[in-house]
């Protein structure tokens, strides 16, 4: 497969994953787009390894959310098998704390699946 074909595939997959997340299909997107051996990391925290551990973390995060008030991907880029996206999110957590945050997601893709994802954001 040529580098251009790979970039196009990654671009299409990343766009669809982002659209699924923005439309509220977060767990469906996780099941569809993430590899069984995926490694995910928040900022410089210890990485979580494997789909089961990351599924649990995603479910815990989702259960802490009272309302998704809005979100968007404001920029994205592809470099080979790596995608970058800038997210703006407005979330109300259970207990009423409303947070507006920006984050960058960096994903590495292999065989049509995310094998590594790291989020960079200010915990402010």
PDB file of N, CA and C in Angstrom:
ATOM      1  N   UNK A   1       0.852  -1.174   0.000  1.00  0.00           N
ATOM      2  CA  UNK A   1       0.000   0.000   0.000  1.00  0.00           C
ATOM      3  C   UNK A   1       0.897   1.236   0.000  1.00  0.00           C
ATOM      4  N   UNK A   2       0.571   2.206  -0.810  1.00  0.00           N
ATOM      5  CA  UNK A   2       1.394   3.412  -0.901  1.00  0.00           C
ATOM      6  C   UNK A   2       1.151   4.315   0.301  1.00  0.00           C
ATOM      7  N   UNK A   3       2.074   5.236   0.511  1.00  0.00           N
ATOM      8  CA  UNK A   3       1.933   6.175   1.632  1.00  0.00           C
ATOM      9  C   UNK A   3       0.678   7.013   1.468  1.00  0.00           C
ATOM     10  N   UNK A   4       0.347   7.395   0.230  1.00  0.00           N
ATOM     11  CA  UNK A   4      -0.850   8.195  -0.022  1.00  0.00           C
ATOM     12  C   UNK A   4      -2.101   7.403   0.319  1.00  0.00           C
ATOM     13  N   UNK A   5      -2.161   6.153  -0.102  1.00  0.00           N
ATOM     14  CA  UNK A   5      -3.327   5.316   0.209  1.00  0.00           C
ATOM     15  C   UNK A   5      -3.463   5.123   1.709  1.00  0.00           C
ATOM     16  N   UNK A   6      -2.338   4.928   2.389  1.00  0.00           N
ATOM     17  CA  UNK A   6      -2.367   4.766   3.836  1.00  0.00           C
ATOM     18  C   UNK A   6      -2.898   6.033   4.497  1.00  0.00           C
ATOM     19  N   UNK A   7      -2.385   7.201   4.083  1.00  0.00           N
ATOM     20  CA  UNK A   7      -2.825   8.462   4.667  1.00  0.00           C
ATOM     21  C   UNK A   7      -4.312   8.676   4.421  1.00  0.00           C
ATOM     22  N   UNK A   8      -4.788   8.366   3.211  1.00  0.00           N
ATOM     23  CA  UNK A   8      -6.205   8.523   2.914  1.00  0.00           C
ATOM     24  C   UNK A   8      -7.033   7.614   3.803  1.00  0.00           C
ATOM     25  N   UNK A   9      -6.630   6.376   3.962  1.00  0.00           N
ATOM     26  CA  UNK A   9      -7.363   5.454   4.813  1.00  0.00           C
ATOM     27  C   UNK A   9      -7.392   5.946   6.255  1.00  0.00           C
ATOM     28  N   UNK A  10      -6.255   6.364   6.774  1.00  0.00           N
ATOM     29  CA  UNK A  10      -6.187   6.882   8.139  1.00  0.00           C
ATOM     30  C   UNK A  10      -7.056   8.123   8.257  1.00  0.00           C
ATOM     31  N   UNK A  11      -7.009   8.989   7.265  1.00  0.00           N
ATOM     32  CA  UNK A  11      -7.820  10.209   7.295  1.00  0.00           C
ATOM     33  C   UNK A  11      -9.308   9.866   7.345  1.00  0.00           C
ATOM     34  N   UNK A  12      -9.730   8.924   6.519  1.00  0.00           N
ATOM     35  CA  UNK A  12     -11.145   8.534   6.506  1.00  0.00           C
ATOM     36  C   UNK A  12     -11.559   7.877   7.817  1.00  0.00           C
ATOM     37  N   UNK A  13     -10.724   6.975   8.320  1.00  0.00           N
ATOM     38  CA  UNK A  13     -11.034   6.301   9.581  1.00  0.00           C
ATOM     39  C   UNK A  13     -11.101   7.285  10.740  1.00  0.00           C
ATOM     40  N   UNK A  14     -10.140   8.193  10.801  1.00  0.00           N
ATOM     41  CA  UNK A  14     -10.096   9.167  11.884  1.00  0.00           C
ATOM     42  C   UNK A  14     -11.312  10.090  11.832  1.00  0.00           C
ATOM     43  N   UNK A  15     -11.680  10.514  10.642  1.00  0.00           N
ATOM     44  CA  UNK A  15     -12.847  11.382  10.478  1.00  0.00           C
ATOM     45  C   UNK A  15     -14.111  10.666  10.957  1.00  0.00           C
ATOM     46  N   UNK A  16     -14.270   9.403  10.575  1.00  0.00           N
ATOM     47  CA  UNK A  16     -15.455   8.655  10.990  1.00  0.00           C
ATOM     48  C   UNK A  16     -15.472   8.430  12.504  1.00  0.00           C
ATOM     49  N   UNK A  17     -14.322   8.103  13.073  1.00  0.00           N
ATOM     50  CA  UNK A  17     -14.235   7.927  14.522  1.00  0.00           C
ATOM     51  C   UNK A  17     -14.636   9.220  15.231  1.00  0.00           C
ATOM     52  N   UNK A  18     -14.088  10.345  14.785  1.00  0.00           N
ATOM     53  CA  UNK A  18     -14.427  11.628  15.405  1.00  0.00           C
ATOM     54  C   UNK A  18     -15.919  11.934  15.273  1.00  0.00           C
ATOM     55  N   UNK A  19     -16.493  11.660  14.097  1.00  0.00           N
ATOM     56  CA  UNK A  19     -17.926  11.900  13.893  1.00  0.00           C
ATOM     57  C   UNK A  19     -18.767  11.016  14.808  1.00  0.00           C
ATOM     58  N   UNK A  20     -18.364   9.762  14.965  1.00  0.00           N
ATOM     59  CA  UNK A  20     -19.101   8.862  15.861  1.00  0.00           C
ATOM     60  C   UNK A  20     -19.067   9.369  17.300  1.00  0.00           C
ATOM     61  N   UNK A  21     -17.904   9.815  17.752  1.00  0.00           N
ATOM     62  CA  UNK A  21     -17.785  10.334  19.122  1.00  0.00           C
ATOM     63  C   UNK A  21     -18.673  11.564  19.286  1.00  0.00           C
ATOM     64  N   UNK A  22     -18.614  12.490  18.327  1.00  0.00           N
ATOM     65  CA  UNK A  22     -19.400  13.719  18.418  1.00  0.00           C
ATOM     66  C   UNK A  22     -20.905  13.453  18.364  1.00  0.00           C
ATOM     67  N   UNK A  23     -21.305  12.354  17.744  1.00  0.00           N
ATOM     68  CA  UNK A  23     -22.734  12.042  17.668  1.00  0.00           C
ATOM     69  C   UNK A  23     -23.202  11.184  18.845  1.00  0.00           C
ATOM     70  N   UNK A  24     -22.313  10.961  19.820  1.00  0.00           N
ATOM     71  CA  UNK A  24     -22.704  10.255  21.036  1.00  0.00           C
ATOM     72  C   UNK A  24     -22.480   8.753  20.997  1.00  0.00           C
ATOM     73  N   UNK A  25     -21.879   8.248  19.935  1.00  0.00           N
ATOM     74  CA  UNK A  25     -21.642   6.804  19.807  1.00  0.00           C
ATOM     75  C   UNK A  25     -20.244   6.442  20.303  1.00  0.00           C
ATOM     76  N   UNK A  26     -19.900   6.921  21.465  1.00  0.00           N
ATOM     77  CA  UNK A  26     -18.534   6.783  21.969  1.00  0.00           C
ATOM     78  C   UNK A  26     -18.145   5.323  22.164  1.00  0.00           C
ATOM     79  N   UNK A  27     -18.955   4.554  22.840  1.00  0.00           N
ATOM     80  CA  UNK A  27     -18.590   3.159  23.105  1.00  0.00           C
ATOM     81  C   UNK A  27     -18.666   2.307  21.831  1.00  0.00           C
ATOM     82  N   UNK A  28     -19.621   2.598  20.962  1.00  0.00           N
ATOM     83  CA  UNK A  28     -19.675   1.889  19.682  1.00  0.00           C
ATOM     84  C   UNK A  28     -18.402   2.160  18.885  1.00  0.00           C
ATOM     85  N   UNK A  29     -17.965   3.421  18.881  1.00  0.00           N
ATOM     86  CA  UNK A  29     -16.737   3.786  18.169  1.00  0.00           C
ATOM     87  C   UNK A  29     -15.531   3.091  18.787  1.00  0.00           C
ATOM     88  N   UNK A  30     -15.507   3.011  20.112  1.00  0.00           N
ATOM     89  CA  UNK A  30     -14.401   2.329  20.786  1.00  0.00           C
ATOM     90  C   UNK A  30     -14.321   0.872  20.321  1.00  0.00           C
ATOM     91  N   UNK A  31     -15.445   0.197  20.308  1.00  0.00           N
ATOM     92  CA  UNK A  31     -15.456  -1.215  19.909  1.00  0.00           C
ATOM     93  C   UNK A  31     -15.040  -1.392  18.454  1.00  0.00           C
ATOM     94  N   UNK A  32     -15.458  -0.479  17.611  1.00  0.00           N
ATOM     95  CA  UNK A  32     -15.205  -0.594  16.170  1.00  0.00           C
ATOM     96  C   UNK A  32     -13.785  -0.218  15.770  1.00  0.00           C
ATOM     97  N   UNK A  33     -13.221   0.827  16.372  1.00  0.00           N
ATOM     98  CA  UNK A  33     -11.980   1.417  15.859  1.00  0.00           C
ATOM     99  C   UNK A  33     -10.726   1.131  16.681  1.00  0.00           C
ATOM    100  N   UNK A  34     -10.854   0.513  17.842  1.00  0.00           N
ATOM    101  CA  UNK A  34      -9.683   0.318  18.698  1.00  0.00           C
ATOM    102  C   UNK A  34      -9.229  -1.131  18.691  1.00  0.00           C
ATOM    103  N   UNK A  35      -7.916  -1.324  18.595  1.00  0.00           N
ATOM    104  CA  UNK A  35      -7.312  -2.659  18.559  1.00  0.00           C
ATOM    105  C   UNK A  35      -7.404  -3.327  19.930  1.00  0.00           C
ATOM    106  N   UNK A  36      -7.351  -4.652  19.939  1.00  0.00           N
ATOM    107  CA  UNK A  36      -7.405  -5.405  21.193  1.00  0.00           C
ATOM    108  C   UNK A  36      -6.238  -5.074  22.117  1.00  0.00           C
ATOM    109  N   UNK A  37      -5.088  -4.708  21.531  1.00  0.00           N
ATOM    110  CA  UNK A  37      -3.896  -4.399  22.338  1.00  0.00           C
ATOM    111  C   UNK A  37      -3.637  -2.896  22.438  1.00  0.00           C
ATOM    112  N   UNK A  38      -4.689  -2.092  22.284  1.00  0.00           N
ATOM    113  CA  UNK A  38      -4.543  -0.637  22.310  1.00  0.00           C
ATOM    114  C   UNK A  38      -3.912  -0.157  23.621  1.00  0.00           C
ATOM    115  N   UNK A  39      -3.094   0.881  23.495  1.00  0.00           N
ATOM    116  CA  UNK A  39      -2.504   1.568  24.641  1.00  0.00           C
ATOM    117  C   UNK A  39      -3.052   2.993  24.616  1.00  0.00           C
ATOM    118  N   UNK A  40      -3.619   3.426  25.739  1.00  0.00           N
ATOM    119  CA  UNK A  40      -4.165   4.780  25.833  1.00  0.00           C
ATOM    120  C   UNK A  40      -3.545   5.478  27.035  1.00  0.00           C
ATOM    121  N   UNK A  41      -3.364   6.803  26.878  1.00  0.00           N
ATOM    122  CA  UNK A  41      -2.679   7.556  27.927  1.00  0.00           C
ATOM    123  C   UNK A  41      -3.266   8.957  28.039  1.00  0.00           C
ATOM    124  N   UNK A  42      -3.434   9.412  29.267  1.00  0.00           N
ATOM    125  CA  UNK A  42      -3.880  10.764  29.576  1.00  0.00           C
ATOM    126  C   UNK A  42      -2.657  11.576  29.992  1.00  0.00           C
ATOM    127  N   UNK A  43      -2.347  12.632  29.231  1.00  0.00           N
ATOM    128  CA  UNK A  43      -1.181  13.478  29.519  1.00  0.00           C
ATOM    129  C   UNK A  43       0.046  12.613  29.794  1.00  0.00           C
ATOM    130  N   UNK A  44       0.665  12.774  30.967  1.00  0.00           N
ATOM    131  CA  UNK A  44       1.857  11.983  31.287  1.00  0.00           C
ATOM    132  C   UNK A  44       1.564  10.892  32.330  1.00  0.00           C
ATOM    133  N   UNK A  45       0.277  10.568  32.494  1.00  0.00           N
ATOM    134  CA  UNK A  45      -0.098   9.490  33.413  1.00  0.00           C
ATOM    135  C   UNK A  45       0.370   8.145  32.856  1.00  0.00           C
ATOM    136  N   UNK A  46       0.333   7.148  33.693  1.00  0.00           N
ATOM    137  CA  UNK A  46       0.721   5.794  33.281  1.00  0.00           C
ATOM    138  C   UNK A  46      -0.230   5.310  32.177  1.00  0.00           C
ATOM    139  N   UNK A  47       0.294   4.758  31.094  1.00  0.00           N
ATOM    140  CA  UNK A  47      -0.576   4.256  30.025  1.00  0.00           C
ATOM    141  C   UNK A  47      -1.416   3.066  30.486  1.00  0.00           C
ATOM    142  N   UNK A  48      -2.622   2.972  29.931  1.00  0.00           N
ATOM    143  CA  UNK A  48      -3.482   1.808  30.140  1.00  0.00           C
ATOM    144  C   UNK A  48      -3.286   0.890  28.935  1.00  0.00           C
ATOM    145  N   UNK A  49      -3.094  -0.383  29.194  1.00  0.00           N
ATOM    146  CA  UNK A  49      -2.795  -1.335  28.119  1.00  0.00           C
ATOM    147  C   UNK A  49      -3.910  -2.356  27.954  1.00  0.00           C
ATOM    148  N   UNK A  50      -4.318  -2.546  26.707  1.00  0.00           N
ATOM    149  CA  UNK A  50      -5.324  -3.541  26.387  1.00  0.00           C
ATOM    150  C   UNK A  50      -6.720  -2.951  26.298  1.00  0.00           C
ATOM    151  N   UNK A  51      -7.522  -3.563  25.458  1.00  0.00           N
ATOM    152  CA  UNK A  51      -8.871  -3.056  25.213  1.00  0.00           C
ATOM    153  C   UNK A  51      -9.759  -3.159  26.451  1.00  0.00           C
ATOM    154  N   UNK A  52      -9.619  -4.227  27.215  1.00  0.00           N
ATOM    155  CA  UNK A  52     -10.471  -4.402  28.401  1.00  0.00           C
ATOM    156  C   UNK A  52     -10.226  -3.287  29.425  1.00  0.00           C
ATOM    157  N   UNK A  53      -8.967  -2.979  29.711  1.00  0.00           N
ATOM    158  CA  UNK A  53      -8.641  -1.926  30.683  1.00  0.00           C
ATOM    159  C   UNK A  53      -9.108  -0.565  30.181  1.00  0.00           C
ATOM    160  N   UNK A  54      -8.955  -0.331  28.889  1.00  0.00           N
ATOM    161  CA  UNK A  54      -9.364   0.951  28.327  1.00  0.00           C
ATOM    162  C   UNK A  54     -10.878   1.064  28.193  1.00  0.00           C
ATOM    163  N   UNK A  55     -11.537  -0.038  27.918  1.00  0.00           N
ATOM    164  CA  UNK A  55     -13.007  -0.038  27.890  1.00  0.00           C
ATOM    165  C   UNK A  55     -13.528   0.356  29.270  1.00  0.00           C
ATOM    166  N   UNK A  56     -12.963  -0.233  30.312  1.00  0.00           N
ATOM    167  CA  UNK A  56     -13.383   0.075  31.681  1.00  0.00           C
ATOM    168  C   UNK A  56     -13.191   1.562  31.988  1.00  0.00           C
ATOM    169  N   UNK A  57     -12.049   2.115  31.591  1.00  0.00           N
ATOM    170  CA  UNK A  57     -11.782   3.538  31.828  1.00  0.00           C
ATOM    171  C   UNK A  57     -12.773   4.420  31.061  1.00  0.00           C
ATOM    172  N   UNK A  58     -13.083   4.050  29.826  1.00  0.00           N
ATOM    173  CA  UNK A  58     -14.055   4.811  29.034  1.00  0.00           C
ATOM    174  C   UNK A  58     -15.440   4.736  29.670  1.00  0.00           C
ATOM    175  N   UNK A  59     -15.834   3.556  30.116  1.00  0.00           N
ATOM    176  CA  UNK A  59     -17.140   3.398  30.757  1.00  0.00           C
ATOM    177  C   UNK A  59     -17.216   4.198  32.049  1.00  0.00           C
ATOM    178  N   UNK A  60     -16.131   4.220  32.823  1.00  0.00           N
ATOM    179  CA  UNK A  60     -16.102   5.004  34.061  1.00  0.00           C
ATOM    180  C   UNK A  60     -16.225   6.492  33.758  1.00  0.00           C
ATOM    181  N   UNK A  61     -15.516   6.948  32.718  1.00  0.00           N
ATOM    182  CA  UNK A  61     -15.621   8.357  32.337  1.00  0.00           C
ATOM    183  C   UNK A  61     -17.053   8.679  31.926  1.00  0.00           C
ATOM    184  N   UNK A  62     -17.626   7.844  31.069  1.00  0.00           N
ATOM    185  CA  UNK A  62     -18.987   8.087  30.583  1.00  0.00           C
ATOM    186  C   UNK A  62     -19.995   8.094  31.733  1.00  0.00           C
ATOM    187  N   UNK A  63     -19.802   7.251  32.732  1.00  0.00           N
ATOM    188  CA  UNK A  63     -20.741   7.216  33.851  1.00  0.00           C
ATOM    189  C   UNK A  63     -20.607   8.442  34.752  1.00  0.00           C
ATOM    190  N   UNK A  64     -19.512   9.185  34.622  1.00  0.00           N
ATOM    191  CA  UNK A  64     -19.320  10.403  35.415  1.00  0.00           C
ATOM    192  C   UNK A  64     -19.934  11.636  34.753  1.00  0.00           C
ATOM    193  N   UNK A  65     -20.363  11.484  33.506  1.00  0.00           N
ATOM    194  CA  UNK A  65     -20.909  12.606  32.743  1.00  0.00           C
ATOM    195  C   UNK A  65     -22.420  12.666  32.916  1.00  0.00           C
ATOM    196  N   UNK A  66     -22.887  13.844  33.311  1.00  0.00           N
ATOM    197  CA  UNK A  66     -24.323  14.069  33.403  1.00  0.00           C
ATOM    198  C   UNK A  66     -24.876  14.536  32.060  1.00  0.00           C
ATOM    199  N   UNK A  67     -24.136  15.444  31.395  1.00  0.00           N
ATOM    200  CA  UNK A  67     -24.616  15.973  30.114  1.00  0.00           C
ATOM    201  C   UNK A  67     -23.443  16.352  29.219  1.00  0.00           C
ATOM    202  N   UNK A  68     -23.596  16.035  27.957  1.00  0.00           N
ATOM    203  CA  UNK A  68     -22.649  16.461  26.913  1.00  0.00           C
ATOM    204  C   UNK A  68     -23.302  17.676  26.284  1.00  0.00           C
ATOM    205  N   UNK A  69     -22.792  18.869  26.619  1.00  0.00           N
ATOM    206  CA  UNK A  69     -23.410  20.116  26.182  1.00  0.00           C
ATOM    207  C   UNK A  69     -22.962  20.542  24.794  1.00  0.00           C
ATOM    208  N   UNK A  70     -21.902  19.954  24.311  1.00  0.00           N
ATOM    209  CA  UNK A  70     -21.430  20.280  22.971  1.00  0.00           C
ATOM    210  C   UNK A  70     -19.978  19.918  22.804  1.00  0.00           C
ATOM    211  N   UNK A  71     -19.594  19.794  21.571  1.00  0.00           N
ATOM    212  CA  UNK A  71     -18.209  19.485  21.277  1.00  0.00           C
ATOM    213  C   UNK A  71     -17.949  19.633  19.801  1.00  0.00           C
ATOM    214  N   UNK A  72     -16.684  19.809  19.468  1.00  0.00           N
ATOM    215  CA  UNK A  72     -16.309  19.904  18.068  1.00  0.00           C
ATOM    216  C   UNK A  72     -14.838  19.575  17.912  1.00  0.00           C
ATOM    217  N   UNK A  73     -14.493  19.154  16.712  1.00  0.00           N
ATOM    218  CA  UNK A  73     -13.102  18.995  16.328  1.00  0.00           C
ATOM    219  C   UNK A  73     -12.773  20.243  15.515  1.00  0.00           C
ATOM    220  N   UNK A  74     -11.854  21.050  16.022  1.00  0.00           N
ATOM    221  CA  UNK A  74     -11.566  22.328  15.381  1.00  0.00           C
ATOM    222  C   UNK A  74     -10.401  22.265  14.409  1.00  0.00           C
ATOM    223  N   UNK A  75      -9.601  21.208  14.493  1.00  0.00           N
ATOM    224  CA  UNK A  75      -8.485  21.039  13.567  1.00  0.00           C
ATOM    225  C   UNK A  75      -8.069  19.581  13.594  1.00  0.00           C
ATOM    226  N   UNK A  76      -7.550  19.115  12.474  1.00  0.00           N
ATOM    227  CA  UNK A  76      -7.022  17.754  12.435  1.00  0.00           C
ATOM    228  C   UNK A  76      -5.950  17.669  11.357  1.00  0.00           C
ATOM    229  N   UNK A  77      -5.094  16.672  11.507  1.00  0.00           N
ATOM    230  CA  UNK A  77      -4.021  16.451  10.543  1.00  0.00           C
ATOM    231  C   UNK A  77      -3.643  14.981  10.548  1.00  0.00           C
ATOM    232  N   UNK A  78      -3.097  14.548   9.448  1.00  0.00           N
ATOM    233  CA  UNK A  78      -2.642  13.169   9.298  1.00  0.00           C
ATOM    234  C   UNK A  78      -1.184  13.215   8.859  1.00  0.00           C
ATOM    235  N   UNK A  79      -0.362  12.376   9.474  1.00  0.00           N
ATOM    236  CA  UNK A  79       1.023  12.213   9.052  1.00  0.00           C
ATOM    237  C   UNK A  79       1.299  10.713   9.052  1.00  0.00           C
ATOM    238  N   UNK A  80       1.241  10.107   7.872  1.00  0.00           N
ATOM    239  CA  UNK A  80       1.444   8.666   7.773  1.00  0.00           C
ATOM    240  C   UNK A  80       0.357   7.917   8.505  1.00  0.00           C
ATOM    241  N   UNK A  81       0.740   7.134   9.518  1.00  0.00           N
ATOM    242  CA  UNK A  81      -0.239   6.350  10.273  1.00  0.00           C
ATOM    243  C   UNK A  81      -0.627   7.028  11.590  1.00  0.00           C
ATOM    244  N   UNK A  82      -0.345   8.329  11.695  1.00  0.00           N
ATOM    245  CA  UNK A  82      -0.660   9.077  12.910  1.00  0.00           C
ATOM    246  C   UNK A  82      -1.653  10.185  12.587  1.00  0.00           C
ATOM    247  N   UNK A  83      -2.675  10.301  13.425  1.00  0.00           N
ATOM    248  CA  UNK A  83      -3.659  11.377  13.272  1.00  0.00           C
ATOM    249  C   UNK A  83      -3.627  12.265  14.508  1.00  0.00           C
ATOM    250  N   UNK A  84      -3.926  13.534  14.285  1.00  0.00           N
ATOM    251  CA  UNK A  84      -3.957  14.546  15.341  1.00  0.00           C
ATOM    252  C   UNK A  84      -5.295  15.263  15.238  1.00  0.00           C
ATOM    253  N   UNK A  85      -5.971  15.472  16.346  1.00  0.00           N
ATOM    254  CA  UNK A  85      -7.208  16.249  16.319  1.00  0.00           C
ATOM    255  C   UNK A  85      -7.301  17.118  17.569  1.00  0.00           C
ATOM    256  N   UNK A  86      -7.807  18.329  17.355  1.00  0.00           N
ATOM    257  CA  UNK A  86      -7.994  19.298  18.428  1.00  0.00           C
ATOM    258  C   UNK A  86      -9.486  19.335  18.749  1.00  0.00           C
ATOM    259  N   UNK A  87      -9.795  19.080  20.008  1.00  0.00           N
ATOM    260  CA  UNK A  87     -11.174  18.978  20.472  1.00  0.00           C
ATOM    261  C   UNK A  87     -11.524  20.129  21.410  1.00  0.00           C
ATOM    262  N   UNK A  88     -12.730  20.654  21.254  1.00  0.00           N
ATOM    263  CA  UNK A  88     -13.335  21.594  22.204  1.00  0.00           C
ATOM    264  C   UNK A  88     -14.566  20.888  22.749  1.00  0.00           C
ATOM    265  N   UNK A  89     -14.670  20.801  24.077  1.00  0.00           N
ATOM    266  CA  UNK A  89     -15.783  20.077  24.688  1.00  0.00           C
ATOM    267  C   UNK A  89     -16.395  20.878  25.829  1.00  0.00           C
ATOM    268  N   UNK A  90     -17.697  20.731  25.975  1.00  0.00           N
ATOM    269  CA  UNK A  90     -18.456  21.350  27.048  1.00  0.00           C
ATOM    270  C   UNK A  90     -19.232  20.223  27.717  1.00  0.00           C
ATOM    271  N   UNK A  91     -18.803  19.856  28.919  1.00  0.00           N
ATOM    272  CA  UNK A  91     -19.352  18.693  29.611  1.00  0.00           C
ATOM    273  C   UNK A  91     -19.819  19.094  31.010  1.00  0.00           C
ATOM    274  N   UNK A  92     -20.967  18.573  31.419  1.00  0.00           N
ATOM    275  CA  UNK A  92     -21.401  18.712  32.805  1.00  0.00           C
ATOM    276  C   UNK A  92     -21.254  17.344  33.458  1.00  0.00           C
ATOM    277  N   UNK A  93     -20.469  17.314  34.537  1.00  0.00           N
ATOM    278  CA  UNK A  93     -20.269  16.073  35.264  1.00  0.00           C
ATOM    279  C   UNK A  93     -21.349  15.916  36.322  1.00  0.00           C
ATOM    280  N   UNK A  94     -21.579  14.687  36.740  1.00  0.00           N
ATOM    281  CA  UNK A  94     -22.548  14.441  37.799  1.00  0.00           C
ATOM    282  C   UNK A  94     -22.141  15.249  39.012  1.00  0.00           C
ATOM    283  N   UNK A  95     -23.103  15.857  39.655  1.00  0.00           N
ATOM    284  CA  UNK A  95     -22.827  16.756  40.753  1.00  0.00           C
ATOM    285  C   UNK A  95     -22.884  18.203  40.304  1.00  0.00           C
ATOM    286  N   UNK A  96     -23.018  18.412  38.975  1.00  0.00           N
ATOM    287  CA  UNK A  96     -23.238  19.754  38.456  1.00  0.00           C
ATOM    288  C   UNK A  96     -22.031  20.535  37.990  1.00  0.00           C
ATOM    289  N   UNK A  97     -20.832  19.986  38.101  1.00  0.00           N
ATOM    290  CA  UNK A  97     -19.651  20.734  37.665  1.00  0.00           C
ATOM    291  C   UNK A  97     -19.586  20.745  36.140  1.00  0.00           C
ATOM    292  N   UNK A  98     -19.693  21.946  35.572  1.00  0.00           N
ATOM    293  CA  UNK A  98     -19.626  22.101  34.116  1.00  0.00           C
ATOM    294  C   UNK A  98     -18.212  22.522  33.727  1.00  0.00           C
ATOM    295  N   UNK A  99     -17.668  21.850  32.730  1.00  0.00           N
ATOM    296  CA  UNK A  99     -16.286  22.070  32.322  1.00  0.00           C
ATOM    297  C   UNK A  99     -16.240  22.301  30.809  1.00  0.00           C
ATOM    298  N   UNK A 100     -15.539  23.340  30.426  1.00  0.00           N
ATOM    299  CA  UNK A 100     -15.226  23.554  29.016  1.00  0.00           C
ATOM    300  C   UNK A 100     -13.745  23.295  28.872  1.00  0.00           C
ATOM    301  N   UNK A 101     -13.407  22.353  28.000  1.00  0.00           N
ATOM    302  CA  UNK A 101     -12.001  21.989  27.898  1.00  0.00           C
ATOM    303  C   UNK A 101     -11.578  21.827  26.448  1.00  0.00           C
ATOM    304  N   UNK A 102     -10.293  21.982  26.250  1.00  0.00           N
ATOM    305  CA  UNK A 102      -9.664  21.728  24.963  1.00  0.00           C
ATOM    306  C   UNK A 102      -8.694  20.580  25.158  1.00  0.00           C
ATOM    307  N   UNK A 103      -8.620  19.712  24.173  1.00  0.00           N
ATOM    308  CA  UNK A 103      -7.641  18.641  24.249  1.00  0.00           C
ATOM    309  C   UNK A 103      -7.173  18.288  22.849  1.00  0.00           C
ATOM    310  N   UNK A 104      -5.990  17.718  22.788  1.00  0.00           N
ATOM    311  CA  UNK A 104      -5.452  17.190  21.546  1.00  0.00           C
ATOM    312  C   UNK A 104      -5.379  15.683  21.695  1.00  0.00           C
ATOM    313  N   UNK A 105      -5.904  14.973  20.707  1.00  0.00           N
ATOM    314  CA  UNK A 105      -5.821  13.511  20.673  1.00  0.00           C
ATOM    315  C   UNK A 105      -4.834  13.136  19.572  1.00  0.00           C
ATOM    316  N   UNK A 106      -3.858  12.316  19.926  1.00  0.00           N
ATOM    317  CA  UNK A 106      -2.878  11.814  18.963  1.00  0.00           C
ATOM    318  C   UNK A 106      -3.067  10.309  18.891  1.00  0.00           C
ATOM    319  N   UNK A 107      -3.394   9.834  17.697  1.00  0.00           N
ATOM    320  CA  UNK A 107      -3.675   8.413  17.500  1.00  0.00           C
ATOM    321  C   UNK A 107      -2.693   7.797  16.514  1.00  0.00           C
ATOM    322  N   UNK A 108      -2.243   6.613  16.841  1.00  0.00           N
ATOM    323  CA  UNK A 108      -1.451   5.822  15.899  1.00  0.00           C
ATOM    324  C   UNK A 108      -2.335   4.682  15.428  1.00  0.00           C
ATOM    325  N   UNK A 109      -2.376   4.482  14.122  1.00  0.00           N
ATOM    326  CA  UNK A 109      -3.243   3.495  13.486  1.00  0.00           C
ATOM    327  C   UNK A 109      -2.414   2.361  12.889  1.00  0.00           C
ATOM    328  N   UNK A 110      -2.975   1.165  12.934  1.00  0.00           N
ATOM    329  CA  UNK A 110      -2.354   0.004  12.294  1.00  0.00           C
ATOM    330  C   UNK A 110      -3.474  -0.933  11.860  1.00  0.00           C
ATOM    331  N   UNK A 111      -3.471  -1.309  10.601  1.00  0.00           N
ATOM    332  CA  UNK A 111      -4.480  -2.226  10.055  1.00  0.00           C
ATOM    333  C   UNK A 111      -5.905  -1.750  10.337  1.00  0.00           C
ATOM    334  N   UNK A 112      -6.141  -0.440  10.218  1.00  0.00           N
ATOM    335  CA  UNK A 112      -7.477   0.103  10.376  1.00  0.00           C
ATOM    336  C   UNK A 112      -7.959   0.262  11.800  1.00  0.00           C
ATOM    337  N   UNK A 113      -7.063   0.094  12.772  1.00  0.00           N
ATOM    338  CA  UNK A 113      -7.438   0.206  14.190  1.00  0.00           C
ATOM    339  C   UNK A 113      -6.481   1.150  14.915  1.00  0.00           C
ATOM    340  N   UNK A 114      -6.981   1.809  15.946  1.00  0.00           N
ATOM    341  CA  UNK A 114      -6.131   2.630  16.807  1.00  0.00           C
ATOM    342  C   UNK A 114      -5.351   1.691  17.713  1.00  0.00           C
ATOM    343  N   UNK A 115      -4.025   1.794  17.662  1.00  0.00           N
ATOM    344  CA  UNK A 115      -3.176   0.959  18.519  1.00  0.00           C
ATOM    345  C   UNK A 115      -2.580   1.765  19.667  1.00  0.00           C
ATOM    346  N   UNK A 116      -2.576   3.090  19.526  1.00  0.00           N
ATOM    347  CA  UNK A 116      -2.076   3.958  20.594  1.00  0.00           C
ATOM    348  C   UNK A 116      -2.803   5.291  20.494  1.00  0.00           C
ATOM    349  N   UNK A 117      -3.266   5.788  21.644  1.00  0.00           N
ATOM    350  CA  UNK A 117      -3.909   7.102  21.685  1.00  0.00           C
ATOM    351  C   UNK A 117      -3.465   7.810  22.944  1.00  0.00           C
ATOM    352  N   UNK A 118      -3.082   9.062  22.760  1.00  0.00           N
ATOM    353  CA  UNK A 118      -2.679   9.881  23.903  1.00  0.00           C
ATOM    354  C   UNK A 118      -3.419  11.194  23.837  1.00  0.00           C
ATOM    355  N   UNK A 119      -3.929  11.608  24.991  1.00  0.00           N
ATOM    356  CA  UNK A 119      -4.650  12.861  25.113  1.00  0.00           C
ATOM    357  C   UNK A 119      -3.788  13.874  25.847  1.00  0.00           C
ATOM    358  N   UNK A 120      -3.746  15.077  25.326  1.00  0.00           N
ATOM    359  CA  UNK A 120      -3.027  16.177  25.963  1.00  0.00           C
ATOM    360  C   UNK A 120      -4.036  17.278  26.268  1.00  0.00           C
ATOM    361  N   UNK A 121      -4.113  17.660  27.551  1.00  0.00           N
ATOM    362  CA  UNK A 121      -5.045  18.708  27.956  1.00  0.00           C
ATOM    363  C   UNK A 121      -4.579  19.321  29.263  1.00  0.00           C
ATOM    364  N   UNK A 122      -5.133  20.486  29.540  1.00  0.00           N
ATOM    365  CA  UNK A 122      -4.845  21.190  30.776  1.00  0.00           C
ATOM    366  C   UNK A 122      -5.906  20.804  31.782  1.00  0.00           C
ATOM    367  N   UNK A 123      -5.500  20.302  32.934  1.00  0.00           N
ATOM    368  CA  UNK A 123      -6.473  19.858  33.944  1.00  0.00           C
ATOM    369  C   UNK A 123      -7.163  21.012  34.641  1.00  0.00           C
ATOM    370  N   UNK A 124      -6.603  22.224  34.493  1.00  0.00           N
ATOM    371  CA  UNK A 124      -7.159  23.439  35.053  1.00  0.00           C
ATOM    372  C   UNK A 124      -8.377  23.242  35.775  1.00  0.00           C
TER     373      UNK A 124
END
